[in-house]
Amino acid sequence: MKVEWSPLALERIKEIADYIKADSSIAAKNWVNSIFDRTDLLSSAPRSGRVVPELKNEEIREVIFGNHRIIYAVGAEVLSVLTVRHIRQILPIEEAPRPNK
């Protein structure tokens, strides 16, 4: 299964990496590499993440990565990473995917 990143998810990755980089550029680089590696693992087991509690939609799932939630949608051929949030943050409605009609 192909993994695609939304512009919002990539923006969140950059924001988090910039925050980590303030302490250590090496740690920031390692974190970014690790989160992409973790997401690549989902391509072979896309339903391994739990259903996002705020949405209760079987197609929208998340995995916990350190202190962050990687929120993604499972499609027929594509796994779409929607956003990355701190584990203490509730998913804002503007970042929640719209149901398919």
Foldseek 3Di string as FASTA:
>chain_A
DAEAEDPAAVVQLVVVLVVVVVVPNVVSVVVSVVVVVVVVVCLVPVQPFAAQVVPPDSQWGWDDDPQKIFIWGDDPRYIYGQHIGGNVDRDDPVSDDDDDD
